[in-house]
C-alpha cells in the first residue's frame, strides 16, 4: 500500500542551511484531522481500502446520503 498525505497547500517557504549555505524550497501543508469514514475489507468487498474525510463544510452543502454516511461514521460534515 502506498504512503501519502491528505492536506491543503498553505504556501511556500524556504529553509536555510547555515553550514552549507544552501536554501531549500519547502511546501507548507495543513494536514488536519482525517476521520475514518469507511473501512473496506477484502473478504467482504473484494479489496482493502480506508475512506477518510478532510476539512469541514456546512451540512447544507452535502446531500442526505453523504450526511447519513458521515453520521454512521460519527464524523462531522466534511
N, C-alpha and C. Protein backbone atom coordinates (compact mmCIF):
# COMPACT_ATOMS: atom_id res chain seq x y z
N UNK A 1 0.85 -1.17 0.00
CA UNK A 1 0.00 0.00 0.00
C UNK A 1 0.89 1.24 0.00
N UNK A 2 0.52 2.24 -0.76
CA UNK A 2 1.33 3.45 -0.87
C UNK A 2 1.15 4.37 0.32
N UNK A 3 2.11 5.22 0.50
CA UNK A 3 2.05 6.20 1.56
C UNK A 3 1.65 7.53 0.96
N UNK A 4 0.99 8.35 1.72
CA UNK A 4 0.59 9.65 1.23
C UNK A 4 0.18 10.54 2.38
N UNK A 5 -0.21 11.74 2.01
CA UNK A 5 -0.66 12.71 2.99
C UNK A 5 -1.85 13.44 2.38
N UNK A 6 -2.86 13.67 3.19
CA UNK A 6 -4.03 14.42 2.76
C UNK A 6 -3.97 15.78 3.43
N UNK A 7 -4.05 16.81 2.64
CA UNK A 7 -3.96 18.15 3.21
C UNK A 7 -4.24 19.21 2.18
N UNK A 8 -4.10 20.44 2.61
CA UNK A 8 -4.29 21.60 1.76
C UNK A 8 -3.00 22.40 1.74
N UNK A 9 -2.60 22.81 0.55
CA UNK A 9 -1.38 23.61 0.44
C UNK A 9 -1.65 25.00 0.99
N UNK A 10 -0.84 25.39 1.97
CA UNK A 10 -0.97 26.70 2.61
C UNK A 10 -0.09 27.72 1.89
N UNK A 11 1.09 27.29 1.48
CA UNK A 11 2.00 28.20 0.80
C UNK A 11 3.38 27.60 0.67
N UNK A 12 4.33 28.45 0.37
CA UNK A 12 5.71 28.04 0.22
C UNK A 12 6.58 28.85 1.17
N UNK A 13 7.71 28.26 1.55
CA UNK A 13 8.71 28.95 2.36
C UNK A 13 10.05 28.35 2.00
N UNK A 14 11.09 28.71 2.70
CA UNK A 14 12.40 28.14 2.44
C UNK A 14 13.15 27.92 3.73
N UNK A 15 14.01 26.91 3.71
CA UNK A 15 14.87 26.60 4.83
C UNK A 15 16.31 26.90 4.43
N UNK A 16 17.03 27.52 5.33
CA UNK A 16 18.41 27.89 5.06
C UNK A 16 19.33 27.04 5.92
N UNK A 17 20.28 26.36 5.27
CA UNK A 17 21.28 25.55 5.96
C UNK A 17 22.53 26.41 6.12
N UNK A 18 22.81 26.83 7.34
CA UNK A 18 23.92 27.75 7.60
C UNK A 18 25.27 27.11 7.32
N UNK A 19 25.40 25.81 7.54
CA UNK A 19 26.69 25.15 7.34
C UNK A 19 27.10 25.12 5.87
N UNK A 20 26.15 24.71 5.00
CA UNK A 20 26.48 24.59 3.59
C UNK A 20 26.08 25.82 2.78
N UNK A 21 25.26 26.68 3.36
CA UNK A 21 24.81 27.87 2.66
C UNK A 21 23.73 27.60 1.62
N UNK A 22 23.10 26.44 1.72
CA UNK A 22 22.05 26.07 0.76
C UNK A 22 20.68 26.55 1.24
N UNK A 23 19.85 26.91 0.27
CA UNK A 23 18.46 27.27 0.53
C UNK A 23 17.60 26.19 -0.11
N UNK A 24 16.68 25.61 0.66
CA UNK A 24 15.80 24.55 0.17
C UNK A 24 14.36 25.04 0.17
N UNK A 25 13.68 25.01 -0.99
CA UNK A 25 12.27 25.39 -1.02
C UNK A 25 11.41 24.32 -0.33
N UNK A 26 10.41 24.76 0.42
CA UNK A 26 9.55 23.85 1.19
C UNK A 26 8.10 24.23 0.97
N UNK A 27 7.26 23.24 0.72
CA UNK A 27 5.82 23.45 0.62
C UNK A 27 5.21 23.27 2.00
N UNK A 28 4.39 24.22 2.43
CA UNK A 28 3.72 24.15 3.72
C UNK A 28 2.33 23.57 3.50
N UNK A 29 2.02 22.47 4.20
CA UNK A 29 0.74 21.78 4.04
C UNK A 29 0.02 21.73 5.37
N UNK A 30 -1.27 22.05 5.36
CA UNK A 30 -2.11 21.90 6.55
C UNK A 30 -2.75 20.52 6.47
N UNK A 31 -2.28 19.62 7.31
CA UNK A 31 -2.80 18.26 7.35
C UNK A 31 -3.59 18.10 8.64
N UNK A 32 -4.86 18.35 8.55
CA UNK A 32 -5.71 18.34 9.73
C UNK A 32 -6.16 16.95 10.11
N UNK A 33 -7.08 16.87 11.04
CA UNK A 33 -7.63 15.56 11.41
C UNK A 33 -8.39 14.96 10.23
N UNK A 34 -8.16 13.70 9.99
CA UNK A 34 -8.81 12.98 8.89
C UNK A 34 -9.55 11.77 9.47
N UNK A 35 -10.81 11.96 9.88
CA UNK A 35 -11.53 10.83 10.47
C UNK A 35 -11.80 9.73 9.43
N UNK A 36 -11.75 8.50 9.88
CA UNK A 36 -12.05 7.36 9.01
C UNK A 36 -13.56 7.27 8.87
N UNK A 37 -14.04 7.28 7.61
CA UNK A 37 -15.48 7.22 7.37
C UNK A 37 -15.93 5.85 6.87
N UNK A 38 -15.01 5.04 6.37
CA UNK A 38 -15.37 3.69 5.92
C UNK A 38 -14.12 2.83 5.84
N UNK A 39 -14.28 1.55 6.14
CA UNK A 39 -13.20 0.59 6.00
C UNK A 39 -13.71 -0.53 5.09
N UNK A 40 -13.00 -0.76 4.01
CA UNK A 40 -13.36 -1.82 3.07
C UNK A 40 -12.47 -3.03 3.34
N UNK A 41 -13.08 -4.20 3.38
CA UNK A 41 -12.39 -5.44 3.70
C UNK A 41 -12.32 -6.31 2.45
N UNK A 42 -11.20 -6.95 2.23
CA UNK A 42 -11.04 -7.76 1.02
C UNK A 42 -11.96 -8.98 1.01
N UNK A 43 -12.31 -9.50 2.16
CA UNK A 43 -13.22 -10.65 2.21
C UNK A 43 -14.64 -10.24 1.83
N UNK A 44 -15.10 -9.10 2.30
CA UNK A 44 -16.47 -8.67 2.05
C UNK A 44 -16.61 -7.88 0.75
N UNK A 45 -15.65 -6.97 0.48
CA UNK A 45 -15.76 -6.06 -0.65
C UNK A 45 -14.89 -6.43 -1.84
N UNK A 46 -13.96 -7.34 -1.66
CA UNK A 46 -13.09 -7.73 -2.75
C UNK A 46 -11.82 -6.89 -2.84
N UNK A 47 -11.68 -5.91 -1.98
CA UNK A 47 -10.47 -5.09 -1.95
C UNK A 47 -10.33 -4.49 -0.56
N UNK A 48 -9.15 -4.04 -0.24
CA UNK A 48 -8.90 -3.41 1.05
C UNK A 48 -8.69 -1.92 0.83
N UNK A 49 -9.39 -1.10 1.61
CA UNK A 49 -9.24 0.36 1.49
C UNK A 49 -9.77 1.02 2.74
N UNK A 50 -9.35 2.25 2.93
CA UNK A 50 -9.84 3.09 4.02
C UNK A 50 -10.30 4.40 3.40
N UNK A 51 -11.50 4.84 3.75
CA UNK A 51 -12.01 6.12 3.27
C UNK A 51 -11.85 7.15 4.38
N UNK A 52 -11.27 8.30 4.04
CA UNK A 52 -11.03 9.36 5.00
C UNK A 52 -11.80 10.61 4.61
N UNK A 53 -12.11 11.43 5.60
CA UNK A 53 -12.71 12.74 5.35
C UNK A 53 -11.67 13.79 5.72
N UNK A 54 -11.74 14.93 5.05
CA UNK A 54 -10.80 16.00 5.34
C UNK A 54 -11.51 17.34 5.21
N UNK A 55 -11.16 18.25 6.10
CA UNK A 55 -11.74 19.59 6.05
C UNK A 55 -13.13 19.63 6.66
N UNK A 56 -13.72 20.79 6.65
CA UNK A 56 -15.07 20.94 7.17
C UNK A 56 -15.91 21.70 6.16
N UNK A 57 -17.19 21.49 6.19
CA UNK A 57 -18.13 22.18 5.33
C UNK A 57 -19.45 22.30 6.05
N UNK A 58 -20.34 23.09 5.51
CA UNK A 58 -21.67 23.22 6.09
C UNK A 58 -22.50 22.01 5.71
N UNK A 59 -23.36 21.58 6.62
CA UNK A 59 -24.18 20.39 6.37
C UNK A 59 -25.11 20.59 5.18
N UNK A 60 -25.56 21.82 4.94
CA UNK A 60 -26.49 22.06 3.83
C UNK A 60 -25.83 21.92 2.46
N UNK A 61 -24.51 21.87 2.41
CA UNK A 61 -23.80 21.68 1.14
C UNK A 61 -23.64 20.22 0.76
N UNK A 62 -24.04 19.32 1.65
CA UNK A 62 -23.92 17.88 1.40
C UNK A 62 -25.30 17.29 1.14
N UNK A 63 -25.33 16.20 0.39
CA UNK A 63 -26.59 15.52 0.13
C UNK A 63 -26.98 14.68 1.35
N UNK A 64 -28.23 14.27 1.39
CA UNK A 64 -28.69 13.44 2.51
C UNK A 64 -27.92 12.11 2.60
N UNK A 65 -27.64 11.45 1.46
CA UNK A 65 -26.83 10.23 1.57
C UNK A 65 -25.43 10.48 2.12
N UNK A 66 -24.81 11.59 1.73
CA UNK A 66 -23.49 11.91 2.26
C UNK A 66 -23.55 12.18 3.75
N UNK A 67 -24.56 12.92 4.19
CA UNK A 67 -24.72 13.20 5.62
C UNK A 67 -24.96 11.92 6.40
N UNK A 68 -25.77 11.01 5.85
CA UNK A 68 -26.03 9.74 6.51
C UNK A 68 -24.77 8.89 6.62
N UNK A 69 -23.96 8.91 5.58
CA UNK A 69 -22.70 8.16 5.59
C UNK A 69 -21.77 8.72 6.67
N UNK A 70 -21.67 10.03 6.77
CA UNK A 70 -20.82 10.65 7.79
C UNK A 70 -21.37 10.44 9.19
N UNK A 71 -22.70 10.47 9.33
CA UNK A 71 -23.32 10.25 10.63
C UNK A 71 -23.07 8.83 11.12
N UNK A 72 -23.13 7.86 10.20
CA UNK A 72 -22.87 6.46 10.57
C UNK A 72 -21.41 6.28 11.02
N UNK A 73 -20.52 7.10 10.47
CA UNK A 73 -19.11 7.03 10.85
C UNK A 73 -18.79 7.93 12.04
N UNK A 74 -19.81 8.61 12.56
CA UNK A 74 -19.65 9.53 13.69
C UNK A 74 -18.65 10.64 13.36
N UNK A 75 -18.79 11.20 12.14
CA UNK A 75 -17.88 12.26 11.69
C UNK A 75 -18.69 13.52 11.39
N UNK A 76 -18.07 14.66 11.56
CA UNK A 76 -18.69 15.94 11.24
C UNK A 76 -18.76 16.12 9.71
N UNK A 77 -19.63 17.01 9.23
CA UNK A 77 -19.69 17.27 7.79
C UNK A 77 -18.31 17.67 7.25
N UNK A 78 -17.87 16.92 6.25
CA UNK A 78 -16.54 17.15 5.68
C UNK A 78 -16.57 16.88 4.19
